[in-house]
PDB file of all heavy atoms in Angstrom:
ATOM      1  N   ILE A   1    -101.647  61.507   8.423  1.00  0.00           N
ATOM      2  CA  ILE A   1    -101.242  61.249   7.076  1.00  0.00           C
ATOM      3  C   ILE A   1    -101.831  62.149   6.110  1.00  0.00           C
ATOM      4  O   ILE A   1    -103.062  62.614   6.318  1.00  0.00           O
ATOM      5  CB  ILE A   1    -101.548  59.760   6.689  1.00  0.00           C
ATOM      6  CG1 ILE A   1    -100.842  59.386   5.357  1.00  0.00           C
ATOM      7  CG2 ILE A   1    -103.080  59.514   6.561  1.00  0.00           C
ATOM      8  CD1 ILE A   1    -100.978  57.938   4.975  1.00  0.00           C
ATOM      9  N   SER A   2    -101.091  62.611   5.121  1.00  0.00           N
ATOM     10  CA  SER A   2    -101.661  63.501   4.126  1.00  0.00           C
ATOM     11  C   SER A   2    -100.892  63.299   2.853  1.00  0.00           C
ATOM     12  O   SER A   2     -99.778  62.669   2.811  1.00  0.00           O
ATOM     13  CB  SER A   2    -101.601  64.948   4.508  1.00  0.00           C
ATOM     14  OG  SER A   2    -100.122  65.318   4.751  1.00  0.00           O
ATOM     15  N   ARG A   3    -101.390  63.830   1.764  1.00  0.00           N
ATOM     16  CA  ARG A   3    -100.809  63.635   0.476  1.00  0.00           C
ATOM     17  C   ARG A   3    -100.944  64.869  -0.361  1.00  0.00           C
ATOM     18  O   ARG A   3    -102.007  65.592  -0.193  1.00  0.00           O
ATOM     19  CB  ARG A   3    -101.180  62.472  -0.252  1.00  0.00           C
ATOM     20  CG  ARG A   3    -102.670  62.457  -0.643  1.00  0.00           C
ATOM     21  CD  ARG A   3    -103.131  61.115  -1.112  1.00  0.00           C
ATOM     22  NE  ARG A   3    -102.375  60.607  -2.290  1.00  0.00           N
ATOM     23  CZ  ARG A   3    -102.316  59.418  -2.750  1.00  0.00           C
ATOM     24  NH1 ARG A   3    -102.875  58.429  -2.005  1.00  0.00           N
ATOM     25  NH2 ARG A   3    -101.653  59.069  -3.762  1.00  0.00           N
ATOM     26  N   ASP A   4    -100.103  65.192  -1.290  1.00  0.00           N
ATOM     27  CA  ASP A   4    -100.207  66.242  -2.182  1.00  0.00           C
ATOM     28  C   ASP A   4    -100.084  65.714  -3.579  1.00  0.00           C
ATOM     29  O   ASP A   4     -98.858  65.420  -3.993  1.00  0.00           O
ATOM     30  CB  ASP A   4     -99.198  67.387  -1.885  1.00  0.00           C
ATOM     31  CG  ASP A   4     -99.419  68.584  -2.820  1.00  0.00           C
ATOM     32  OD1 ASP A   4    -100.063  68.487  -3.861  1.00  0.00           O
ATOM     33  OD2 ASP A   4     -98.859  69.644  -2.455  1.00  0.00           O
ATOM     34  N   ASN A   5    -101.122  65.493  -4.238  1.00  0.00           N
ATOM     35  CA  ASN A   5    -101.020  64.793  -5.578  1.00  0.00           C
ATOM     36  C   ASN A   5    -100.411  65.664  -6.643  1.00  0.00           C
ATOM     37  O   ASN A   5    -100.105  65.151  -7.677  1.00  0.00           O
ATOM     38  CB  ASN A   5    -102.397  64.224  -5.967  1.00  0.00           C
ATOM     39  CG  ASN A   5    -102.867  63.096  -5.184  1.00  0.00           C
ATOM     40  OD1 ASN A   5    -102.012  62.437  -4.432  1.00  0.00           O
ATOM     41  ND2 ASN A   5    -104.157  62.638  -5.252  1.00  0.00           N
ATOM     42  N   THR A   6    -100.369  66.936  -6.388  1.00  0.00           N
ATOM     43  CA  THR A   6     -99.761  67.801  -7.362  1.00  0.00           C
ATOM     44  C   THR A   6     -98.224  67.667  -7.277  1.00  0.00           C
ATOM     45  O   THR A   6     -97.512  68.040  -8.230  1.00  0.00           O
ATOM     46  CB  THR A   6    -100.193  69.252  -7.189  1.00  0.00           C
ATOM     47  OG1 THR A   6     -99.697  69.790  -5.923  1.00  0.00           O
ATOM     48  CG2 THR A   6    -101.671  69.349  -7.222  1.00  0.00           C
ATOM     49  N   LYS A   7     -97.759  67.249  -6.172  1.00  0.00           N
ATOM     50  CA  LYS A   7     -96.291  67.027  -5.980  1.00  0.00           C
ATOM     51  C   LYS A   7     -95.843  65.611  -5.858  1.00  0.00           C
ATOM     52  O   LYS A   7     -94.604  65.412  -5.658  1.00  0.00           O
ATOM     53  CB  LYS A   7     -95.906  67.856  -4.705  1.00  0.00           C
ATOM     54  CG  LYS A   7     -96.201  69.320  -4.679  1.00  0.00           C
ATOM     55  CD  LYS A   7     -95.768  69.989  -3.387  1.00  0.00           C
ATOM     56  CE  LYS A   7     -96.103  71.471  -3.395  1.00  0.00           C
ATOM     57  NZ  LYS A   7     -95.691  72.094  -2.120  1.00  0.00           N
ATOM     58  N   ASN A   8     -96.726  64.663  -6.014  1.00  0.00           N
ATOM     59  CA  ASN A   8     -96.417  63.295  -5.821  1.00  0.00           C
ATOM     60  C   ASN A   8     -95.753  63.023  -4.492  1.00  0.00           C
ATOM     61  O   ASN A   8     -94.686  62.382  -4.372  1.00  0.00           O
ATOM     62  CB  ASN A   8     -95.511  62.834  -6.998  1.00  0.00           C
ATOM     63  CG  ASN A   8     -96.288  62.566  -8.259  1.00  0.00           C
ATOM     64  OD1 ASN A   8     -97.469  62.852  -8.426  1.00  0.00           O
ATOM     65  ND2 ASN A   8     -95.564  62.065  -9.261  1.00  0.00           N
ATOM     66  N   ALA A   9     -96.346  63.538  -3.560  1.00  0.00           N
ATOM     67  CA  ALA A   9     -95.705  63.539  -2.141  1.00  0.00           C
ATOM     68  C   ALA A   9     -96.660  62.885  -1.104  1.00  0.00           C
ATOM     69  O   ALA A   9     -97.896  63.345  -1.122  1.00  0.00           O
ATOM     70  CB  ALA A   9     -95.204  64.844  -1.735  1.00  0.00           C
ATOM     71  N   LEU A  10     -96.165  62.207  -0.226  1.00  0.00           N
ATOM     72  CA  LEU A  10     -96.914  61.687   0.897  1.00  0.00           C
ATOM     73  C   LEU A  10     -96.187  62.144   2.248  1.00  0.00           C
ATOM     74  O   LEU A  10     -94.971  62.158   2.228  1.00  0.00           O
ATOM     75  CB  LEU A  10     -96.900  60.114   0.750  1.00  0.00           C
ATOM     76  CG  LEU A  10     -97.702  59.379   1.916  1.00  0.00           C
ATOM     77  CD1 LEU A  10     -99.107  59.544   1.753  1.00  0.00           C
ATOM     78  CD2 LEU A  10     -97.271  57.849   1.962  1.00  0.00           C
ATOM     79  N   TYR A  11     -97.006  62.336   3.129  1.00  0.00           N
ATOM     80  CA  TYR A  11     -96.481  62.820   4.461  1.00  0.00           C
ATOM     81  C   TYR A  11     -96.987  62.166   5.669  1.00  0.00           C
ATOM     82  O   TYR A  11     -98.090  61.582   5.618  1.00  0.00           O
ATOM     83  CB  TYR A  11     -96.760  64.395   4.661  1.00  0.00           C
ATOM     84  CG  TYR A  11     -96.351  65.245   3.484  1.00  0.00           C
ATOM     85  CD1 TYR A  11     -97.370  65.660   2.624  1.00  0.00           C
ATOM     86  CD2 TYR A  11     -95.024  65.640   3.301  1.00  0.00           C
ATOM     87  CE1 TYR A  11     -96.996  66.360   1.496  1.00  0.00           C
ATOM     88  CE2 TYR A  11     -94.700  66.427   2.248  1.00  0.00           C
ATOM     89  CZ  TYR A  11     -95.706  66.786   1.365  1.00  0.00           C
ATOM     90  OH  TYR A  11     -95.375  67.587   0.281  1.00  0.00           O
ATOM     91  N   LEU A  12     -96.192  62.079   6.688  1.00  0.00           N
ATOM     92  CA  LEU A  12     -96.588  61.642   7.947  1.00  0.00           C
ATOM     93  C   LEU A  12     -96.218  62.574   9.097  1.00  0.00           C
ATOM     94  O   LEU A  12     -94.990  62.647   9.372  1.00  0.00           O
ATOM     95  CB  LEU A  12     -96.114  60.151   8.258  1.00  0.00           C
ATOM     96  CG  LEU A  12     -96.772  59.504   9.485  1.00  0.00           C
ATOM     97  CD1 LEU A  12     -98.197  59.216   9.357  1.00  0.00           C
ATOM     98  CD2 LEU A  12     -95.982  58.234   9.847  1.00  0.00           C
ATOM     99  N   GLN A  13     -97.093  63.284   9.672  1.00  0.00           N
ATOM    100  CA  GLN A  13     -96.877  64.191  10.745  1.00  0.00           C
ATOM    101  C   GLN A  13     -96.906  63.407  12.043  1.00  0.00           C
ATOM    102  O   GLN A  13     -97.982  62.818  12.327  1.00  0.00           O
ATOM    103  CB  GLN A  13     -97.813  65.431  10.744  1.00  0.00           C
ATOM    104  CG  GLN A  13     -97.565  66.386  11.889  1.00  0.00           C
ATOM    105  CD  GLN A  13     -96.278  67.117  11.802  1.00  0.00           C
ATOM    106  OE1 GLN A  13     -95.847  67.548  10.780  1.00  0.00           O
ATOM    107  NE2 GLN A  13     -95.505  67.167  12.886  1.00  0.00           N
ATOM    108  N   MET A  14     -95.884  63.363  12.800  1.00  0.00           N
ATOM    109  CA  MET A  14     -95.875  62.600  13.975  1.00  0.00           C
ATOM    110  C   MET A  14     -95.716  63.516  15.136  1.00  0.00           C
ATOM    111  O   MET A  14     -94.690  64.168  15.304  1.00  0.00           O
ATOM    112  CB  MET A  14     -94.750  61.486  13.958  1.00  0.00           C
ATOM    113  CG  MET A  14     -94.860  60.618  12.718  1.00  0.00           C
ATOM    114  SD  MET A  14     -93.592  59.253  12.763  1.00  0.00           S
ATOM    115  CE  MET A  14     -92.067  60.243  12.600  1.00  0.00           C
ATOM    116  N   ASN A  15     -96.688  63.515  16.005  1.00  0.00           N
ATOM    117  CA  ASN A  15     -96.660  64.414  17.170  1.00  0.00           C
ATOM    118  C   ASN A  15     -96.633  63.495  18.461  1.00  0.00           C
ATOM    119  O   ASN A  15     -97.134  62.383  18.409  1.00  0.00           O
ATOM    120  CB  ASN A  15     -97.812  65.441  17.244  1.00  0.00           C
ATOM    121  CG  ASN A  15     -97.746  66.321  16.062  1.00  0.00           C
ATOM    122  OD1 ASN A  15     -96.791  66.743  15.575  1.00  0.00           O
ATOM    123  ND2 ASN A  15     -98.943  66.813  15.675  1.00  0.00           N
ATOM    124  N   ASN A  16     -96.314  64.174  19.543  1.00  0.00           N
ATOM    125  CA  ASN A  16     -96.315  63.489  20.761  1.00  0.00           C
ATOM    126  C   ASN A  16     -95.533  62.134  20.731  1.00  0.00           C
ATOM    127  O   ASN A  16     -96.186  61.042  21.200  1.00  0.00           O
ATOM    128  CB  ASN A  16     -97.751  63.326  21.379  1.00  0.00           C
ATOM    129  CG  ASN A  16     -97.856  62.878  22.847  1.00  0.00           C
ATOM    130  OD1 ASN A  16     -96.802  63.061  23.625  1.00  0.00           O
ATOM    131  ND2 ASN A  16     -98.889  62.299  23.292  1.00  0.00           N
ATOM    132  N   LEU A  17     -94.500  62.070  20.178  1.00  0.00           N
ATOM    133  CA  LEU A  17     -93.743  60.804  19.929  1.00  0.00           C
ATOM    134  C   LEU A  17     -93.448  60.218  21.261  1.00  0.00           C
ATOM    135  O   LEU A  17     -93.137  60.801  22.349  1.00  0.00           O
ATOM    136  CB  LEU A  17     -92.441  61.098  19.176  1.00  0.00           C
ATOM    137  CG  LEU A  17     -92.662  61.470  17.644  1.00  0.00           C
ATOM    138  CD1 LEU A  17     -91.463  62.123  17.138  1.00  0.00           C
ATOM    139  CD2 LEU A  17     -92.974  60.134  16.977  1.00  0.00           C
ATOM    140  N   LYS A  18     -93.336  58.842  21.156  1.00  0.00           N
ATOM    141  CA  LYS A  18     -93.127  57.943  22.283  1.00  0.00           C
ATOM    142  C   LYS A  18     -91.980  57.061  21.952  1.00  0.00           C
ATOM    143  O   LYS A  18     -91.719  56.808  20.745  1.00  0.00           O
ATOM    144  CB  LYS A  18     -94.269  57.116  22.692  1.00  0.00           C
ATOM    145  CG  LYS A  18     -95.585  57.933  23.061  1.00  0.00           C
ATOM    146  CD  LYS A  18     -96.720  56.993  23.252  1.00  0.00           C
ATOM    147  CE  LYS A  18     -97.995  57.733  23.622  1.00  0.00           C
ATOM    148  NZ  LYS A  18     -99.129  56.816  23.869  1.00  0.00           N
ATOM    149  N   PRO A  19     -91.271  56.620  22.928  1.00  0.00           N
ATOM    150  CA  PRO A  19     -90.115  55.768  22.590  1.00  0.00           C
ATOM    151  C   PRO A  19     -90.486  54.422  21.804  1.00  0.00           C
ATOM    152  O   PRO A  19     -89.667  54.055  20.955  1.00  0.00           O
ATOM    153  CB  PRO A  19     -89.585  55.317  24.049  1.00  0.00           C
ATOM    154  CG  PRO A  19     -89.846  56.510  24.823  1.00  0.00           C
ATOM    155  CD  PRO A  19     -91.211  56.928  24.361  1.00  0.00           C
ATOM    156  N   GLU A  20     -91.718  54.040  22.015  1.00  0.00           N
ATOM    157  CA  GLU A  20     -92.211  52.840  21.297  1.00  0.00           C
ATOM    158  C   GLU A  20     -92.456  53.109  19.840  1.00  0.00           C
ATOM    159  O   GLU A  20     -92.747  52.237  18.981  1.00  0.00           O
ATOM    160  CB  GLU A  20     -93.457  52.323  21.899  1.00  0.00           C
ATOM    161  CG  GLU A  20     -94.501  53.291  22.193  1.00  0.00           C
ATOM    162  CD  GLU A  20     -94.468  53.667  23.668  1.00  0.00           C
ATOM    163  OE1 GLU A  20     -93.361  53.983  24.157  1.00  0.00           O
ATOM    164  OE2 GLU A  20     -95.507  53.813  24.342  1.00  0.00           O
ATOM    165  N   ASP A  21     -92.368  54.377  19.371  1.00  0.00           N
ATOM    166  CA  ASP A  21     -92.456  54.775  17.980  1.00  0.00           C
ATOM    167  C   ASP A  21     -91.116  54.589  17.274  1.00  0.00           C
ATOM    168  O   ASP A  21     -91.016  54.790  16.029  1.00  0.00           O
ATOM    169  CB  ASP A  21     -92.897  56.276  17.855  1.00  0.00           C
ATOM    170  CG  ASP A  21     -94.303  56.479  18.298  1.00  0.00           C
ATOM    171  OD1 ASP A  21     -95.178  55.608  18.120  1.00  0.00           O
ATOM    172  OD2 ASP A  21     -94.534  57.569  18.972  1.00  0.00           O
ATOM    173  N   THR A  22     -90.103  54.290  18.057  1.00  0.00           N
ATOM    174  CA  THR A  22     -88.770  54.100  17.436  1.00  0.00           C
ATOM    175  C   THR A  22     -88.886  52.832  16.520  1.00  0.00           C
ATOM    176  O   THR A  22     -89.269  51.767  16.799  1.00  0.00           O
ATOM    177  CB  THR A  22     -87.750  53.792  18.489  1.00  0.00           C
ATOM    178  OG1 THR A  22     -87.569  55.004  19.316  1.00  0.00           O
ATOM    179  CG2 THR A  22     -86.367  53.393  17.869  1.00  0.00           C
ATOM    180  N   ALA A  23     -88.508  53.151  15.168  1.00  0.00           N
ATOM    181  CA  ALA A  23     -88.645  52.144  14.144  1.00  0.00           C
ATOM    182  C   ALA A  23     -88.087  52.685  12.812  1.00  0.00           C
ATOM    183  O   ALA A  23     -87.843  53.795  12.709  1.00  0.00           O
ATOM    184  CB  ALA A  23     -90.114  51.745  13.998  1.00  0.00           C
ATOM    185  N   GLU A  24     -87.912  51.793  11.891  1.00  0.00           N
ATOM    186  CA  GLU A  24     -87.763  52.144  10.512  1.00  0.00           C
ATOM    187  C   GLU A  24     -89.088  52.256   9.862  1.00  0.00           C
ATOM    188  O   GLU A  24     -89.978  51.467   9.906  1.00  0.00           O
ATOM    189  CB  GLU A  24     -86.870  51.075   9.744  1.00  0.00           C
ATOM    190  CG  GLU A  24     -86.487  51.366   8.415  1.00  0.00           C
ATOM    191  CD  GLU A  24     -85.113  52.144   8.380  1.00  0.00           C
ATOM    192  OE1 GLU A  24     -84.526  52.273   9.515  1.00  0.00           O
ATOM    193  OE2 GLU A  24     -84.681  52.670   7.398  1.00  0.00           O
ATOM    194  N   TYR A  25     -89.272  53.537   9.185  1.00  0.00           N
ATOM    195  CA  TYR A  25     -90.606  53.843   8.721  1.00  0.00           C
ATOM    196  C   TYR A  25     -90.458  53.724   7.140  1.00  0.00           C
ATOM    197  O   TYR A  25     -89.522  54.261   6.521  1.00  0.00           O
ATOM    198  CB  TYR A  25     -91.030  55.198   9.059  1.00  0.00           C
ATOM    199  CG  TYR A  25     -91.520  55.317  10.481  1.00  0.00           C
ATOM    200  CD1 TYR A  25     -90.694  55.120  11.643  1.00  0.00           C
ATOM    201  CD2 TYR A  25     -92.909  55.474  10.729  1.00  0.00           C
ATOM    202  CE1 TYR A  25     -91.220  55.209  12.874  1.00  0.00           C
ATOM    203  CE2 TYR A  25     -93.435  55.511  12.030  1.00  0.00           C
ATOM    204  CZ  TYR A  25     -92.590  55.463  13.102  1.00  0.00           C
ATOM    205  OH  TYR A  25     -93.033  55.384  14.312  1.00  0.00           O
ATOM    206  N   TYR A  26     -91.548  53.168   6.628  1.00  0.00           N
ATOM    207  CA  TYR A  26     -91.470  52.926   5.140  1.00  0.00           C
ATOM    208  C   TYR A  26     -92.687  53.528   4.449  1.00  0.00           C
ATOM    209  O   TYR A  26     -93.801  53.450   4.941  1.00  0.00           O
ATOM    210  CB  TYR A  26     -91.580  51.399   4.781  1.00  0.00           C
ATOM    211  CG  TYR A  26     -90.395  50.636   5.374  1.00  0.00           C
ATOM    212  CD1 TYR A  26     -90.456  50.112   6.670  1.00  0.00           C
ATOM    213  CD2 TYR A  26     -89.102  50.518   4.697  1.00  0.00           C
ATOM    214  CE1 TYR A  26     -89.283  49.403   7.149  1.00  0.00           C
ATOM    215  CE2 TYR A  26     -88.183  49.841   5.202  1.00  0.00           C
ATOM    216  CZ  TYR A  26     -88.226  49.238   6.423  1.00  0.00           C
ATOM    217  OH  TYR A  26     -87.141  48.580   6.919  1.00  0.00           O
ATOM    218  N   CYS A  27     -92.425  54.157   3.312  1.00  0.00           N
ATOM    219  CA  CYS A  27     -93.564  54.643   2.457  1.00  0.00           C
ATOM    220  C   CYS A  27     -93.938  53.506   1.583  1.00  0.00           C
ATOM    221  O   CYS A  27     -93.018  52.804   0.970  1.00  0.00           O
ATOM    222  CB  CYS A  27     -92.963  55.800   1.601  1.00  0.00           C
ATOM    223  SG  CYS A  27     -94.103  56.399   0.393  1.00  0.00           S
ATOM    224  N   VAL A  28     -95.205  53.164   1.393  1.00  0.00           N
ATOM    225  CA  VAL A  28     -95.724  52.009   0.693  1.00  0.00           C
ATOM    226  C   VAL A  28     -96.767  52.424  -0.304  1.00  0.00           C
ATOM    227  O   VAL A  28     -97.661  53.162  -0.003  1.00  0.00           O
ATOM    228  CB  VAL A  28     -96.327  51.034   1.788  1.00  0.00           C
ATOM    229  CG1 VAL A  28     -96.701  49.732   1.082  1.00  0.00           C
ATOM    230  CG2 VAL A  28     -95.317  50.734   2.913  1.00  0.00           C
ATOM    231  N   LYS A  29     -96.541  51.802  -1.410  1.00  0.00           N
ATOM    232  CA  LYS A  29     -97.593  52.014  -2.559  1.00  0.00           C
ATOM    233  C   LYS A  29     -98.608  50.767  -2.421  1.00  0.00           C
ATOM    234  O   LYS A  29     -98.204  49.591  -2.466  1.00  0.00           O
ATOM    235  CB  LYS A  29     -96.973  51.978  -3.878  1.00  0.00           C
ATOM    236  CG  LYS A  29     -97.901  52.063  -5.062  1.00  0.00           C
ATOM    237  CD  LYS A  29     -97.277  51.978  -6.361  1.00  0.00           C
ATOM    238  CE  LYS A  29     -98.243  52.079  -7.518  1.00  0.00           C
ATOM    239  NZ  LYS A  29     -99.185  50.887  -7.541  1.00  0.00           N
ATOM    240  N   ASN A  30     -99.832  51.109  -2.209  1.00  0.00           N
ATOM    241  CA  ASN A  30    -100.820  50.041  -2.237  1.00  0.00           C
ATOM    242  C   ASN A  30    -101.294  49.723  -3.654  1.00  0.00           C
ATOM    243  O   ASN A  30    -101.100  50.450  -4.477  1.00  0.00           O
ATOM    244  CB  ASN A  30    -102.051  50.424  -1.252  1.00  0.00           C
ATOM    245  CG  ASN A  30    -101.617  50.455   0.171  1.00  0.00           C
ATOM    246  OD1 ASN A  30    -101.622  51.574   0.725  1.00  0.00           O
ATOM    247  ND2 ASN A  30    -101.572  49.353   0.700  1.00  0.00           N
ATOM    248  N   THR A  31    -101.995  48.623  -3.688  1.00  0.00           N
ATOM    249  CA  THR A  31    -102.346  48.030  -5.056  1.00  0.00           C
ATOM    250  C   THR A  31    -103.432  48.785  -5.748  1.00  0.00           C
ATOM    251  O   THR A  31    -103.286  48.974  -6.914  1.00  0.00           O
ATOM    252  CB  THR A  31    -102.735  46.518  -4.862  1.00  0.00           C
ATOM    253  OG1 THR A  31    -101.715  45.866  -4.179  1.00  0.00           O
ATOM    254  CG2 THR A  31    -103.017  45.912  -6.172  1.00  0.00           C
ATOM    255  N   ARG A  32    -104.342  49.231  -5.024  1.00  0.00           N
ATOM    256  CA  ARG A  32    -105.480  49.857  -5.587  1.00  0.00           C
ATOM    257  C   ARG A  32    -105.722  51.356  -5.139  1.00  0.00           C
ATOM    258  O   ARG A  32    -105.045  51.787  -4.325  1.00  0.00           O
ATOM    259  CB  ARG A  32    -106.692  49.108  -5.283  1.00  0.00           C
ATOM    260  CG  ARG A  32    -106.732  47.653  -5.868  1.00  0.00           C
ATOM    261  CD  ARG A  32    -107.860  46.789  -5.316  1.00  0.00           C
ATOM    262  NE  ARG A  32    -107.670  46.473  -3.940  1.00  0.00           N
ATOM    263  CZ  ARG A  32    -108.293  46.910  -2.835  1.00  0.00           C
ATOM    264  NH1 ARG A  32    -109.273  47.795  -3.098  1.00  0.00           N
ATOM    265  NH2 ARG A  32    -108.014  46.465  -1.700  1.00  0.00           N
ATOM    266  N   PRO A  33    -106.608  52.026  -5.758  1.00  0.00           N
ATOM    267  CA  PRO A  33    -106.895  53.446  -5.353  1.00  0.00           C
ATOM    268  C   PRO A  33    -107.439  53.479  -3.926  1.00  0.00           C
ATOM    269  O   PRO A  33    -107.464  54.630  -3.156  1.00  0.00           O
ATOM    270  CB  PRO A  33    -107.938  53.963  -6.332  1.00  0.00           C
ATOM    271  CG  PRO A  33    -107.660  53.077  -7.595  1.00  0.00           C
ATOM    272  CD  PRO A  33    -107.386  51.688  -6.942  1.00  0.00           C
TER     273      PRO A  33
END
C-alpha cells in the first residue's frame, strides 16, 4: 500500500496474485489520521 498526498491518491500494488484474491476491492477512508 502507498499514497501520494500531493495527488490525493492511494494505491495498492498486488503481486503474485492468487485465485483467492478474487474480490471486489474498496478504497476506504478511515476516521482518524
